[in-house]
Amino acid sequence: MPDAHVLRWWLAPRAGTIVLELKTRDGQQRTFQLDAATAEQLHIATGQDINAETYAIIERTDRALQFIARLERFLAYRLRSSAEVAKRLHTLGAGDDDIRTVLELLRRHGRLDDERFARAFVRDTARLRMLSARAISNQLRARGIPEHIVQEVLAMEYPSSDEEQRAREAALRALRRNASRPPEQQQRRIRDALLRRGFSHDVVRRVLASLFDSSSSNR
């Protein structure tokens, strides 16, 4: 005996979703929402008998869509990583199974992509702050980006071969801010600024040598 029977379905106001009305084995009528892709995968049709496995998928998807509705402002503010979304869902009371379903639905519909997030983070945030590749990789890991994506994105967007040039640009900015100070203070402040941005001691030493050796020779 089936667990439920499809009475009817219709398009929901939210794009890409349907409303599904079922009659359960005990005679109750229940209404669920499904995304169109899941409905197609389950071959939803009026008059269809629903077994226990399919019924569980319908319930799980309906709960996930309710959580997604509560995430809309969070998702609209900026790109999010999977870990950020999972953390937010925990605060909303979602269990592990619901979190997995939400993440799967968001990925399926192109609303969640850790590689896209990582690329945007590097392009729009890290470069503006003149961070080292090491600092950026640490920040991506802190946001839950998998290691293979961190390495791939850095290789494409922030190659280590440009590290010294990035440090030099950051140093020149710091030098302009400290132009009125004595050379010793300039060097100390620039060194501290570069180290805070995650540049290695070797890179910092070479950049300082190039800046202050060249400035000395020009005096």
N, C-alpha and C. Protein backbone atom coordinates (compact mmCIF):
# COMPACT_ATOMS: atom_id res chain seq x y z
N MET A 1 0.85 -1.20 0.00
CA MET A 1 0.00 0.00 0.00
C MET A 1 0.88 1.25 0.00
N PRO A 2 0.59 2.21 -0.89
CA PRO A 2 1.42 3.41 -0.95
C PRO A 2 1.26 4.27 0.30
N ASP A 3 2.30 5.06 0.60
CA ASP A 3 2.23 5.95 1.75
C ASP A 3 1.39 7.19 1.47
N ALA A 4 1.27 7.58 0.22
CA ALA A 4 0.50 8.77 -0.14
C ALA A 4 0.11 8.69 -1.61
N HIS A 5 -0.78 9.62 -1.98
CA HIS A 5 -1.30 9.67 -3.34
C HIS A 5 -1.34 11.14 -3.76
N VAL A 6 -0.87 11.43 -4.98
CA VAL A 6 -0.86 12.82 -5.46
C VAL A 6 -2.25 13.22 -5.90
N LEU A 7 -2.83 14.20 -5.20
CA LEU A 7 -4.14 14.71 -5.58
C LEU A 7 -4.03 15.71 -6.72
N ARG A 8 -3.08 16.62 -6.61
CA ARG A 8 -2.86 17.62 -7.66
C ARG A 8 -1.56 18.34 -7.38
N TRP A 9 -1.10 19.11 -8.35
CA TRP A 9 0.06 19.97 -8.16
C TRP A 9 -0.11 21.20 -9.03
N TRP A 10 0.55 22.29 -8.65
CA TRP A 10 0.47 23.52 -9.43
C TRP A 10 1.75 24.33 -9.20
N LEU A 11 1.97 25.29 -10.10
CA LEU A 11 3.16 26.13 -10.00
C LEU A 11 3.05 27.07 -8.80
N ALA A 12 4.14 27.16 -8.05
CA ALA A 12 4.18 28.05 -6.89
C ALA A 12 4.55 29.46 -7.32
N PRO A 13 4.24 30.47 -6.49
CA PRO A 13 4.65 31.84 -6.82
C PRO A 13 6.16 31.98 -6.99
N ARG A 14 6.92 31.26 -6.19
CA ARG A 14 8.38 31.31 -6.32
C ARG A 14 8.80 30.58 -7.58
N ALA A 15 9.61 31.23 -8.39
CA ALA A 15 10.05 30.63 -9.66
C ALA A 15 10.78 29.32 -9.41
N GLY A 16 10.50 28.34 -10.27
CA GLY A 16 11.22 27.08 -10.21
C GLY A 16 10.74 26.11 -9.15
N THR A 17 9.56 26.38 -8.55
CA THR A 17 9.02 25.47 -7.55
C THR A 17 7.56 25.15 -7.86
N ILE A 18 7.11 24.02 -7.33
CA ILE A 18 5.71 23.63 -7.47
C ILE A 18 5.14 23.35 -6.09
N VAL A 19 3.81 23.43 -5.99
CA VAL A 19 3.09 23.02 -4.79
C VAL A 19 2.46 21.68 -5.07
N LEU A 20 2.61 20.78 -4.13
CA LEU A 20 2.16 19.40 -4.30
C LEU A 20 1.17 19.07 -3.18
N GLU A 21 -0.02 18.62 -3.56
CA GLU A 21 -1.03 18.23 -2.57
C GLU A 21 -1.16 16.72 -2.56
N LEU A 22 -0.92 16.14 -1.39
CA LEU A 22 -0.95 14.68 -1.24
C LEU A 22 -2.05 14.27 -0.27
N LYS A 23 -2.56 13.06 -0.47
CA LYS A 23 -3.44 12.42 0.51
C LYS A 23 -2.68 11.24 1.09
N THR A 24 -2.46 11.27 2.40
CA THR A 24 -1.66 10.24 3.04
C THR A 24 -2.48 8.99 3.30
N ARG A 25 -1.81 7.95 3.73
CA ARG A 25 -2.45 6.66 3.96
C ARG A 25 -3.57 6.75 5.01
N ASP A 26 -3.39 7.63 6.00
CA ASP A 26 -4.41 7.77 7.05
C ASP A 26 -5.50 8.76 6.70
N GLY A 27 -5.51 9.22 5.43
CA GLY A 27 -6.59 10.07 4.96
C GLY A 27 -6.35 11.56 5.09
N GLN A 28 -5.22 11.98 5.64
CA GLN A 28 -4.92 13.40 5.77
C GLN A 28 -4.45 13.98 4.44
N GLN A 29 -4.78 15.25 4.22
CA GLN A 29 -4.26 15.95 3.05
C GLN A 29 -3.14 16.88 3.49
N ARG A 30 -2.02 16.77 2.82
CA ARG A 30 -0.86 17.58 3.16
C ARG A 30 -0.32 18.27 1.92
N THR A 31 0.22 19.46 2.13
CA THR A 31 0.75 20.26 1.03
C THR A 31 2.25 20.46 1.23
N PHE A 32 3.00 20.28 0.14
CA PHE A 32 4.45 20.42 0.16
C PHE A 32 4.89 21.29 -1.01
N GLN A 33 6.10 21.84 -0.89
CA GLN A 33 6.74 22.51 -2.02
C GLN A 33 7.93 21.68 -2.48
N LEU A 34 8.12 21.64 -3.79
CA LEU A 34 9.27 20.96 -4.39
C LEU A 34 9.90 21.89 -5.41
N ASP A 35 11.22 21.82 -5.55
CA ASP A 35 11.84 22.49 -6.68
C ASP A 35 11.53 21.68 -7.94
N ALA A 36 11.52 22.35 -9.07
CA ALA A 36 11.11 21.70 -10.32
C ALA A 36 12.01 20.52 -10.67
N ALA A 37 13.31 20.64 -10.39
CA ALA A 37 14.23 19.56 -10.73
C ALA A 37 13.93 18.29 -9.94
N THR A 38 13.63 18.45 -8.65
CA THR A 38 13.29 17.28 -7.83
C THR A 38 11.96 16.69 -8.28
N ALA A 39 10.98 17.55 -8.59
CA ALA A 39 9.69 17.06 -9.06
C ALA A 39 9.85 16.25 -10.34
N GLU A 40 10.71 16.73 -11.24
CA GLU A 40 10.95 15.99 -12.48
C GLU A 40 11.67 14.68 -12.20
N GLN A 41 12.62 14.71 -11.30
CA GLN A 41 13.36 13.50 -10.95
C GLN A 41 12.43 12.43 -10.36
N LEU A 42 11.43 12.86 -9.60
CA LEU A 42 10.49 11.93 -8.97
C LEU A 42 9.31 11.60 -9.88
N HIS A 43 9.27 12.22 -11.07
CA HIS A 43 8.18 11.99 -12.04
C HIS A 43 6.81 12.30 -11.43
N ILE A 44 6.73 13.43 -10.73
CA ILE A 44 5.49 13.79 -10.06
C ILE A 44 4.37 14.01 -11.07
N ALA A 45 3.22 13.40 -10.81
CA ALA A 45 2.06 13.53 -11.69
C ALA A 45 0.80 13.33 -10.87
N THR A 46 -0.28 13.99 -11.27
CA THR A 46 -1.56 13.80 -10.59
C THR A 46 -1.98 12.34 -10.67
N GLY A 47 -2.43 11.80 -9.53
CA GLY A 47 -2.83 10.40 -9.48
C GLY A 47 -1.71 9.44 -9.15
N GLN A 48 -0.51 9.95 -9.00
CA GLN A 48 0.65 9.08 -8.73
C GLN A 48 0.61 8.55 -7.30
N ASP A 49 0.95 7.29 -7.14
CA ASP A 49 1.13 6.71 -5.81
C ASP A 49 2.56 6.98 -5.34
N ILE A 50 2.69 7.35 -4.08
CA ILE A 50 3.98 7.72 -3.51
C ILE A 50 4.40 6.69 -2.47
N ASN A 51 5.57 6.09 -2.66
CA ASN A 51 6.06 5.12 -1.67
C ASN A 51 6.80 5.85 -0.54
N ALA A 52 7.24 5.08 0.44
CA ALA A 52 7.86 5.67 1.63
C ALA A 52 9.13 6.44 1.30
N GLU A 53 9.95 5.90 0.40
CA GLU A 53 11.20 6.56 0.04
C GLU A 53 10.95 7.90 -0.63
N THR A 54 10.02 7.92 -1.59
CA THR A 54 9.70 9.16 -2.28
C THR A 54 9.07 10.18 -1.33
N TYR A 55 8.23 9.70 -0.44
CA TYR A 55 7.58 10.58 0.54
C TYR A 55 8.63 11.26 1.43
N ALA A 56 9.65 10.50 1.82
CA ALA A 56 10.72 11.06 2.64
C ALA A 56 11.48 12.14 1.88
N ILE A 57 11.73 11.92 0.58
CA ILE A 57 12.41 12.92 -0.24
C ILE A 57 11.57 14.19 -0.33
N ILE A 58 10.26 14.02 -0.52
CA ILE A 58 9.36 15.18 -0.62
C ILE A 58 9.38 15.98 0.68
N GLU A 59 9.29 15.30 1.81
CA GLU A 59 9.32 16.00 3.10
C GLU A 59 10.64 16.73 3.30
N ARG A 60 11.74 16.05 2.98
CA ARG A 60 13.06 16.64 3.18
C ARG A 60 13.26 17.86 2.28
N THR A 61 12.80 17.77 1.03
CA THR A 61 12.95 18.89 0.11
C THR A 61 12.09 20.07 0.54
N ASP A 62 10.89 19.78 1.01
CA ASP A 62 10.00 20.85 1.49
C ASP A 62 10.64 21.60 2.66
N ARG A 63 11.22 20.86 3.60
CA ARG A 63 11.89 21.52 4.73
C ARG A 63 13.07 22.36 4.25
N ALA A 64 13.82 21.82 3.30
CA ALA A 64 14.98 22.56 2.77
C ALA A 64 14.55 23.86 2.11
N LEU A 65 13.46 23.83 1.36
CA LEU A 65 12.99 25.05 0.70
C LEU A 65 12.52 26.08 1.72
N GLN A 66 11.97 25.62 2.82
CA GLN A 66 11.58 26.56 3.88
C GLN A 66 12.82 27.22 4.49
N PHE A 67 13.87 26.45 4.69
CA PHE A 67 15.10 27.04 5.20
C PHE A 67 15.70 28.01 4.18
N ILE A 68 15.66 27.65 2.90
CA ILE A 68 16.20 28.54 1.87
C ILE A 68 15.45 29.87 1.86
N ALA A 69 14.13 29.82 2.05
CA ALA A 69 13.35 31.06 2.10
C ALA A 69 13.83 31.95 3.24
N ARG A 70 14.25 31.35 4.33
CA ARG A 70 14.75 32.13 5.48
C ARG A 70 16.18 32.62 5.25
N LEU A 71 16.84 32.07 4.25
CA LEU A 71 18.22 32.46 3.94
C LEU A 71 18.31 33.56 2.88
N GLU A 72 17.19 33.95 2.29
CA GLU A 72 17.24 34.79 1.09
C GLU A 72 18.04 36.07 1.30
N ARG A 73 17.80 36.77 2.38
CA ARG A 73 18.55 38.03 2.61
C ARG A 73 20.03 37.75 2.84
N PHE A 74 20.32 36.68 3.56
CA PHE A 74 21.70 36.28 3.81
C PHE A 74 22.43 35.97 2.51
N LEU A 75 21.75 35.28 1.59
CA LEU A 75 22.36 34.92 0.31
C LEU A 75 22.46 36.11 -0.63
N ALA A 76 21.52 37.04 -0.52
CA ALA A 76 21.49 38.17 -1.44
C ALA A 76 22.55 39.21 -1.11
N TYR A 77 23.01 39.25 0.13
CA TYR A 77 23.94 40.31 0.56
C TYR A 77 25.26 40.21 -0.18
N ARG A 78 25.81 38.99 -0.31
CA ARG A 78 27.05 38.76 -1.05
C ARG A 78 27.18 37.27 -1.31
N LEU A 79 28.17 36.88 -2.10
CA LEU A 79 28.43 35.46 -2.30
C LEU A 79 28.81 34.81 -0.97
N ARG A 80 28.39 33.57 -0.80
CA ARG A 80 28.67 32.84 0.43
C ARG A 80 29.37 31.52 0.12
N SER A 81 30.18 31.07 1.07
CA SER A 81 30.77 29.73 0.95
C SER A 81 29.82 28.71 1.55
N SER A 82 30.04 27.44 1.21
CA SER A 82 29.20 26.38 1.77
C SER A 82 29.26 26.37 3.29
N ALA A 83 30.46 26.58 3.83
CA ALA A 83 30.62 26.56 5.29
C ALA A 83 29.86 27.71 5.94
N GLU A 84 29.85 28.87 5.31
CA GLU A 84 29.10 30.01 5.86
C GLU A 84 27.61 29.71 5.88
N VAL A 85 27.11 29.12 4.79
CA VAL A 85 25.69 28.78 4.73
C VAL A 85 25.35 27.72 5.78
N ALA A 86 26.20 26.71 5.91
CA ALA A 86 25.96 25.66 6.90
C ALA A 86 25.92 26.24 8.32
N LYS A 87 26.84 27.15 8.60
CA LYS A 87 26.88 27.77 9.93
C LYS A 87 25.60 28.57 10.18
N ARG A 88 25.15 29.29 9.17
CA ARG A 88 23.91 30.07 9.31
C ARG A 88 22.72 29.14 9.54
N LEU A 89 22.69 28.04 8.82
CA LEU A 89 21.59 27.09 8.98
C LEU A 89 21.56 26.50 10.39
N HIS A 90 22.72 26.26 10.96
CA HIS A 90 22.78 25.77 12.34
C HIS A 90 22.11 26.76 13.28
N THR A 91 22.35 28.06 13.06
CA THR A 91 21.73 29.06 13.93
C THR A 91 20.22 29.11 13.74
N LEU A 92 19.74 28.67 12.58
CA LEU A 92 18.30 28.63 12.31
C LEU A 92 17.65 27.34 12.80
N GLY A 93 18.46 26.45 13.37
CA GLY A 93 17.92 25.22 13.92
C GLY A 93 17.89 24.04 12.98
N ALA A 94 18.57 24.13 11.85
CA ALA A 94 18.59 23.02 10.89
C ALA A 94 19.49 21.90 11.40
N GLY A 95 19.05 20.66 11.17
CA GLY A 95 19.87 19.50 11.50
C GLY A 95 20.81 19.17 10.35
N ASP A 96 21.68 18.20 10.57
CA ASP A 96 22.69 17.86 9.57
C ASP A 96 22.07 17.41 8.25
N ASP A 97 21.01 16.60 8.30
CA ASP A 97 20.37 16.13 7.07
C ASP A 97 19.76 17.28 6.29
N ASP A 98 19.10 18.20 7.01
CA ASP A 98 18.51 19.35 6.33
C ASP A 98 19.59 20.24 5.73
N ILE A 99 20.69 20.41 6.44
CA ILE A 99 21.79 21.23 5.91
C ILE A 99 22.33 20.63 4.62
N ARG A 100 22.53 19.32 4.62
CA ARG A 100 23.03 18.67 3.39
C ARG A 100 22.06 18.88 2.23
N THR A 101 20.77 18.78 2.50
CA THR A 101 19.78 18.96 1.43
C THR A 101 19.77 20.39 0.93
N VAL A 102 19.82 21.36 1.84
CA VAL A 102 19.85 22.77 1.43
C VAL A 102 21.07 23.06 0.56
N LEU A 103 22.24 22.61 0.99
CA LEU A 103 23.46 22.86 0.22
C LEU A 103 23.36 22.21 -1.16
N GLU A 104 22.81 21.00 -1.21
CA GLU A 104 22.67 20.32 -2.49
C GLU A 104 21.75 21.09 -3.43
N LEU A 105 20.62 21.59 -2.90
CA LEU A 105 19.68 22.35 -3.73
C LEU A 105 20.31 23.65 -4.21
N LEU A 106 20.99 24.36 -3.32
CA LEU A 106 21.61 25.63 -3.71
C LEU A 106 22.68 25.42 -4.77
N ARG A 107 23.46 24.36 -4.64
CA ARG A 107 24.47 24.07 -5.67
C ARG A 107 23.82 23.69 -6.99
N ARG A 108 22.79 22.88 -6.91
CA ARG A 108 22.11 22.42 -8.13
C ARG A 108 21.57 23.59 -8.93
N HIS A 109 21.11 24.62 -8.23
CA HIS A 109 20.50 25.77 -8.91
C HIS A 109 21.48 26.93 -9.08
N GLY A 110 22.77 26.66 -8.89
CA GLY A 110 23.79 27.67 -9.17
C GLY A 110 23.87 28.80 -8.18
N ARG A 111 23.33 28.61 -6.99
CA ARG A 111 23.34 29.68 -6.00
C ARG A 111 24.45 29.51 -4.97
N LEU A 112 25.19 28.43 -5.07
CA LEU A 112 26.27 28.17 -4.13
C LEU A 112 27.40 27.47 -4.87
N ASP A 113 28.57 28.09 -4.85
CA ASP A 113 29.71 27.55 -5.60
C ASP A 113 30.98 28.03 -4.89
N ASP A 114 31.66 27.11 -4.22
CA ASP A 114 32.84 27.50 -3.44
C ASP A 114 33.97 28.04 -4.31
N GLU A 115 34.11 27.53 -5.52
CA GLU A 115 35.17 28.04 -6.39
C GLU A 115 34.85 29.47 -6.83
N ARG A 116 33.60 29.72 -7.18
CA ARG A 116 33.21 31.08 -7.56
C ARG A 116 33.38 32.04 -6.37
N PHE A 117 33.01 31.57 -5.19
CA PHE A 117 33.21 32.39 -3.99
C PHE A 117 34.68 32.73 -3.80
N ALA A 118 35.55 31.73 -3.93
CA ALA A 118 36.98 31.94 -3.71
C ALA A 118 37.55 32.92 -4.73
N ARG A 119 37.16 32.79 -5.99
CA ARG A 119 37.65 33.71 -7.01
C ARG A 119 37.21 35.14 -6.71
N ALA A 120 35.94 35.30 -6.33
CA ALA A 120 35.44 36.63 -6.03
C ALA A 120 36.14 37.21 -4.80
N PHE A 121 36.40 36.37 -3.82
CA PHE A 121 37.09 36.83 -2.61
C PHE A 121 38.47 37.36 -2.96
N VAL A 122 39.19 36.61 -3.79
CA VAL A 122 40.54 37.04 -4.17
C VAL A 122 40.49 38.33 -4.98
N ARG A 123 39.58 38.38 -5.95
CA ARG A 123 39.54 39.54 -6.84
C ARG A 123 39.05 40.80 -6.14
N ASP A 124 37.96 40.68 -5.38
CA ASP A 124 37.27 41.86 -4.88
C ASP A 124 37.68 42.28 -3.47
N THR A 125 38.29 41.39 -2.73
CA THR A 125 38.64 41.72 -1.34
C THR A 125 40.14 41.71 -1.11
N ALA A 126 40.78 40.59 -1.38
CA ALA A 126 42.18 40.43 -1.01
C ALA A 126 43.09 41.41 -1.72
N ARG A 127 42.87 41.63 -3.01
CA ARG A 127 43.77 42.52 -3.75
C ARG A 127 43.68 43.95 -3.24
N LEU A 128 42.49 44.37 -2.85
CA LEU A 128 42.33 45.73 -2.36
C LEU A 128 43.10 45.95 -1.07
N ARG A 129 43.27 44.88 -0.31
CA ARG A 129 43.97 45.00 0.97
C ARG A 129 45.45 44.65 0.86
N MET A 130 45.92 44.30 -0.33
CA MET A 130 47.33 44.00 -0.57
C MET A 130 47.86 42.93 0.38
N LEU A 131 47.15 41.82 0.46
CA LEU A 131 47.57 40.73 1.32
C LEU A 131 48.52 39.79 0.59
N SER A 132 49.28 39.03 1.35
CA SER A 132 50.12 37.99 0.76
C SER A 132 49.26 36.80 0.35
N ALA A 133 49.81 35.95 -0.50
CA ALA A 133 49.10 34.73 -0.89
C ALA A 133 48.84 33.85 0.32
N ARG A 134 49.78 33.82 1.25
CA ARG A 134 49.59 33.01 2.46
C ARG A 134 48.42 33.52 3.29
N ALA A 135 48.32 34.84 3.45
CA ALA A 135 47.23 35.41 4.23
C ALA A 135 45.89 35.13 3.56
N ILE A 136 45.86 35.24 2.23
CA ILE A 136 44.61 34.98 1.52
C ILE A 136 44.21 33.52 1.66
N SER A 137 45.17 32.62 1.52
CA SER A 137 44.85 31.20 1.64
C SER A 137 44.33 30.88 3.03
N ASN A 138 44.89 31.50 4.06
CA ASN A 138 44.41 31.28 5.42
C ASN A 138 42.98 31.79 5.59
N GLN A 139 42.68 32.93 4.98
CA GLN A 139 41.32 33.46 5.09
C GLN A 139 40.32 32.59 4.34
N LEU A 140 40.72 32.06 3.19
CA LEU A 140 39.82 31.16 2.46
C LEU A 140 39.57 29.89 3.26
N ARG A 141 40.62 29.34 3.86
CA ARG A 141 40.43 28.13 4.68
C ARG A 141 39.52 28.44 5.87
N ALA A 142 39.68 29.62 6.46
CA ALA A 142 38.84 30.00 7.60
C ALA A 142 37.38 30.09 7.20
N ARG A 143 37.12 30.32 5.92
CA ARG A 143 35.74 30.36 5.42
C ARG A 143 35.27 29.01 4.90
N GLY A 144 36.06 27.98 5.18
CA GLY A 144 35.64 26.62 4.86
C GLY A 144 35.87 26.18 3.44
N ILE A 145 36.69 26.90 2.68
CA ILE A 145 36.95 26.51 1.30
C ILE A 145 37.90 25.31 1.29
N PRO A 146 37.56 24.25 0.57
CA PRO A 146 38.43 23.06 0.52
C PRO A 146 39.82 23.39 -0.01
N GLU A 147 40.81 22.65 0.47
CA GLU A 147 42.20 22.94 0.15
C GLU A 147 42.47 22.91 -1.35
N HIS A 148 41.89 21.96 -2.07
CA HIS A 148 42.17 21.87 -3.51
C HIS A 148 41.64 23.09 -4.25
N ILE A 149 40.54 23.66 -3.78
CA ILE A 149 40.01 24.87 -4.41
C ILE A 149 40.89 26.07 -4.06
N VAL A 150 41.34 26.14 -2.82
CA VAL A 150 42.25 27.22 -2.40
C VAL A 150 43.47 27.25 -3.30
N GLN A 151 44.10 26.10 -3.48
CA GLN A 151 45.33 26.04 -4.27
C GLN A 151 45.07 26.36 -5.74
N GLU A 152 43.98 25.85 -6.28
CA GLU A 152 43.66 26.09 -7.69
C GLU A 152 43.38 27.56 -7.96
N VAL A 153 42.59 28.18 -7.10
CA VAL A 153 42.23 29.58 -7.30
C VAL A 153 43.44 30.49 -7.12
N LEU A 154 44.26 30.23 -6.12
CA LEU A 154 45.45 31.05 -5.92
C LEU A 154 46.40 30.94 -7.11
N ALA A 155 46.55 29.73 -7.64
CA ALA A 155 47.44 29.55 -8.79
C ALA A 155 46.97 30.36 -9.99
N MET A 156 45.65 30.48 -10.15
CA MET A 156 45.10 31.19 -11.30
C MET A 156 45.01 32.70 -11.05
N GLU A 157 44.56 33.08 -9.87
CA GLU A 157 44.23 34.47 -9.60
C GLU A 157 45.31 35.24 -8.84
N TYR A 158 46.16 34.53 -8.11
CA TYR A 158 47.11 35.20 -7.22
C TYR A 158 48.41 34.42 -7.18
N PRO A 159 49.10 34.28 -8.31
CA PRO A 159 50.28 33.41 -8.37
C PRO A 159 51.41 33.86 -7.46
N SER A 160 52.12 32.89 -6.91
CA SER A 160 53.21 33.20 -5.98
C SER A 160 54.34 33.95 -6.66
N SER A 161 54.45 33.84 -7.97
CA SER A 161 55.51 34.55 -8.70
C SER A 161 55.35 36.07 -8.61
N ASP A 162 54.15 36.54 -8.28
CA ASP A 162 53.90 37.98 -8.16
C ASP A 162 54.01 38.48 -6.72
N GLU A 163 54.40 37.60 -5.80
CA GLU A 163 54.37 37.94 -4.38
C GLU A 163 55.24 39.15 -4.05
N GLU A 164 56.45 39.19 -4.58
CA GLU A 164 57.34 40.31 -4.24
C GLU A 164 56.82 41.62 -4.82
N GLN A 165 56.25 41.57 -6.01
CA GLN A 165 55.69 42.78 -6.59
C GLN A 165 54.51 43.30 -5.77
N ARG A 166 53.68 42.37 -5.27
CA ARG A 166 52.57 42.79 -4.41
C ARG A 166 53.09 43.44 -3.13
N ALA A 167 54.13 42.84 -2.56
CA ALA A 167 54.71 43.40 -1.34
C ALA A 167 55.28 44.79 -1.61
N ARG A 168 55.90 44.95 -2.77
CA ARG A 168 56.47 46.26 -3.11
C ARG A 168 55.37 47.31 -3.25
N GLU A 169 54.27 46.96 -3.88
CA GLU A 169 53.16 47.91 -4.02
C GLU A 169 52.60 48.30 -2.66
N ALA A 170 52.47 47.31 -1.77
CA ALA A 170 51.99 47.60 -0.42
C ALA A 170 52.99 48.49 0.32
N ALA A 171 54.28 48.24 0.11
CA ALA A 171 55.31 49.04 0.76
C ALA A 171 55.28 50.48 0.27
N LEU A 172 55.07 50.67 -1.02
CA LEU A 172 55.02 52.03 -1.56
C LEU A 172 53.84 52.80 -0.99
N ARG A 173 52.72 52.12 -0.81
CA ARG A 173 51.58 52.78 -0.17
C ARG A 173 51.94 53.22 1.25
N ALA A 174 52.57 52.30 1.99
CA ALA A 174 52.97 52.62 3.36
C ALA A 174 54.00 53.74 3.39
N LEU A 175 54.89 53.75 2.41
CA LEU A 175 55.91 54.80 2.34
C LEU A 175 55.27 56.16 2.13
N ARG A 176 54.25 56.22 1.27
CA ARG A 176 53.57 57.50 1.04
C ARG A 176 52.88 57.99 2.32
N ARG A 177 52.33 57.05 3.09
CA ARG A 177 51.66 57.45 4.33
C ARG A 177 52.66 57.94 5.39
N ASN A 178 53.90 57.51 5.26
CA ASN A 178 54.92 57.85 6.26
C ASN A 178 56.03 58.72 5.68
N ALA A 179 55.72 59.45 4.64
CA ALA A 179 56.75 60.21 3.92
C ALA A 179 57.44 61.25 4.79
N SER A 180 56.76 61.79 5.78
CA SER A 180 57.34 62.86 6.60
C SER A 180 58.20 62.33 7.75
N ARG A 181 58.25 61.03 7.92
CA ARG A 181 58.98 60.44 9.05
C ARG A 181 60.44 60.20 8.67
N PRO A 182 61.31 60.08 9.67
CA PRO A 182 62.72 59.74 9.39
C PRO A 182 62.81 58.35 8.75
N PRO A 183 63.86 58.09 7.97
CA PRO A 183 63.99 56.81 7.27
C PRO A 183 63.89 55.59 8.19
N GLU A 184 64.45 55.69 9.39
CA GLU A 184 64.40 54.53 10.30
C GLU A 184 62.96 54.19 10.67
N GLN A 185 62.16 55.22 10.95
CA GLN A 185 60.75 54.99 11.27
C GLN A 185 59.99 54.48 10.06
N GLN A 186 60.32 55.02 8.90
CA GLN A 186 59.67 54.55 7.68
C GLN A 186 59.89 53.05 7.50
N GLN A 187 61.14 52.63 7.62
CA GLN A 187 61.45 51.21 7.43
C GLN A 187 60.71 50.34 8.45
N ARG A 188 60.70 50.78 9.69
CA ARG A 188 60.05 49.98 10.73
C ARG A 188 58.55 49.86 10.47
N ARG A 189 57.93 50.96 10.12
CA ARG A 189 56.49 50.93 9.88
C ARG A 189 56.14 50.12 8.63
N ILE A 190 56.94 50.25 7.60
CA ILE A 190 56.69 49.47 6.39
C ILE A 190 56.89 47.99 6.66
N ARG A 191 57.97 47.66 7.38
CA ARG A 191 58.21 46.25 7.72
C ARG A 191 57.03 45.66 8.49
N ASP A 192 56.56 46.39 9.50
CA ASP A 192 55.45 45.90 10.31
C ASP A 192 54.18 45.74 9.48
N ALA A 193 53.94 46.70 8.58
CA ALA A 193 52.75 46.63 7.73
C ALA A 193 52.79 45.40 6.82
N LEU A 194 53.95 45.13 6.24
CA LEU A 194 54.08 43.97 5.35
C LEU A 194 53.94 42.66 6.11
N LEU A 195 54.53 42.59 7.28
CA LEU A 195 54.42 41.35 8.08
C LEU A 195 52.98 41.11 8.50
N ARG A 196 52.25 42.17 8.83
CA ARG A 196 50.84 42.01 9.20
C ARG A 196 50.03 41.48 8.03
N ARG A 197 50.45 41.79 6.81
CA ARG A 197 49.74 41.31 5.63
C ARG A 197 50.18 39.91 5.21
N GLY A 198 51.06 39.31 5.99
CA GLY A 198 51.41 37.92 5.77
C GLY A 198 52.60 37.67 4.88
N PHE A 199 53.32 38.71 4.49
CA PHE A 199 54.50 38.51 3.65
C PHE A 199 55.64 37.93 4.48
N SER A 200 56.43 37.08 3.86
CA SER A 200 57.51 36.41 4.58
C SER A 200 58.62 37.41 4.91
N HIS A 201 59.45 37.04 5.89
CA HIS A 201 60.57 37.91 6.27
C HIS A 201 61.54 38.10 5.11
N ASP A 202 61.75 37.07 4.31
CA ASP A 202 62.67 37.19 3.17
C ASP A 202 62.15 38.20 2.15
N VAL A 203 60.87 38.11 1.84
CA VAL A 203 60.27 39.06 0.89
C VAL A 203 60.34 40.47 1.44
N VAL A 204 60.00 40.63 2.71
CA VAL A 204 60.03 41.96 3.33
C VAL A 204 61.43 42.54 3.29
N ARG A 205 62.42 41.72 3.60
CA ARG A 205 63.82 42.20 3.60
C ARG A 205 64.23 42.66 2.20
N ARG A 206 63.88 41.90 1.19
CA ARG A 206 64.27 42.28 -0.18
C ARG A 206 63.57 43.56 -0.62
N VAL A 207 62.31 43.68 -0.28
CA VAL A 207 61.56 44.88 -0.67
C VAL A 207 62.13 46.12 0.02
N LEU A 208 62.39 46.01 1.31
CA LEU A 208 62.96 47.15 2.03
C LEU A 208 64.33 47.53 1.47
N ALA A 209 65.13 46.53 1.16
CA ALA A 209 66.45 46.81 0.60
C ALA A 209 66.34 47.54 -0.73
N SER A 210 65.42 47.10 -1.57
CA SER A 210 65.28 47.73 -2.88
C SER A 210 64.77 49.16 -2.75
N LEU A 211 63.82 49.38 -1.83
CA LEU A 211 63.26 50.72 -1.67
C LEU A 211 64.27 51.69 -1.09
N PHE A 212 64.92 51.30 -0.03
CA PHE A 212 65.77 52.26 0.68
C PHE A 212 67.16 52.35 0.10
N ASP A 213 67.63 51.29 -0.56
CA ASP A 213 68.89 51.40 -1.29
C ASP A 213 68.73 52.36 -2.46
N SER A 214 67.57 52.23 -3.17
CA SER A 214 67.36 53.10 -4.33
C SER A 214 67.13 54.53 -3.88
N SER A 215 66.42 54.71 -2.74
CA SER A 215 66.19 56.09 -2.28
C SER A 215 67.48 56.73 -1.80
N SER A 216 68.38 55.92 -1.20
CA SER A 216 69.66 56.46 -0.74
C SER A 216 70.51 56.89 -1.92
N SER A 217 70.49 56.11 -2.97
CA SER A 217 71.31 56.43 -4.14
C SER A 217 70.81 57.64 -4.88
N ASN A 218 69.51 57.98 -4.66
CA ASN A 218 68.94 59.13 -5.34
C ASN A 218 69.14 60.43 -4.57
N ARG A 219 69.62 60.28 -3.31
CA ARG A 219 69.81 61.51 -2.53
C ARG A 219 71.16 62.15 -2.85
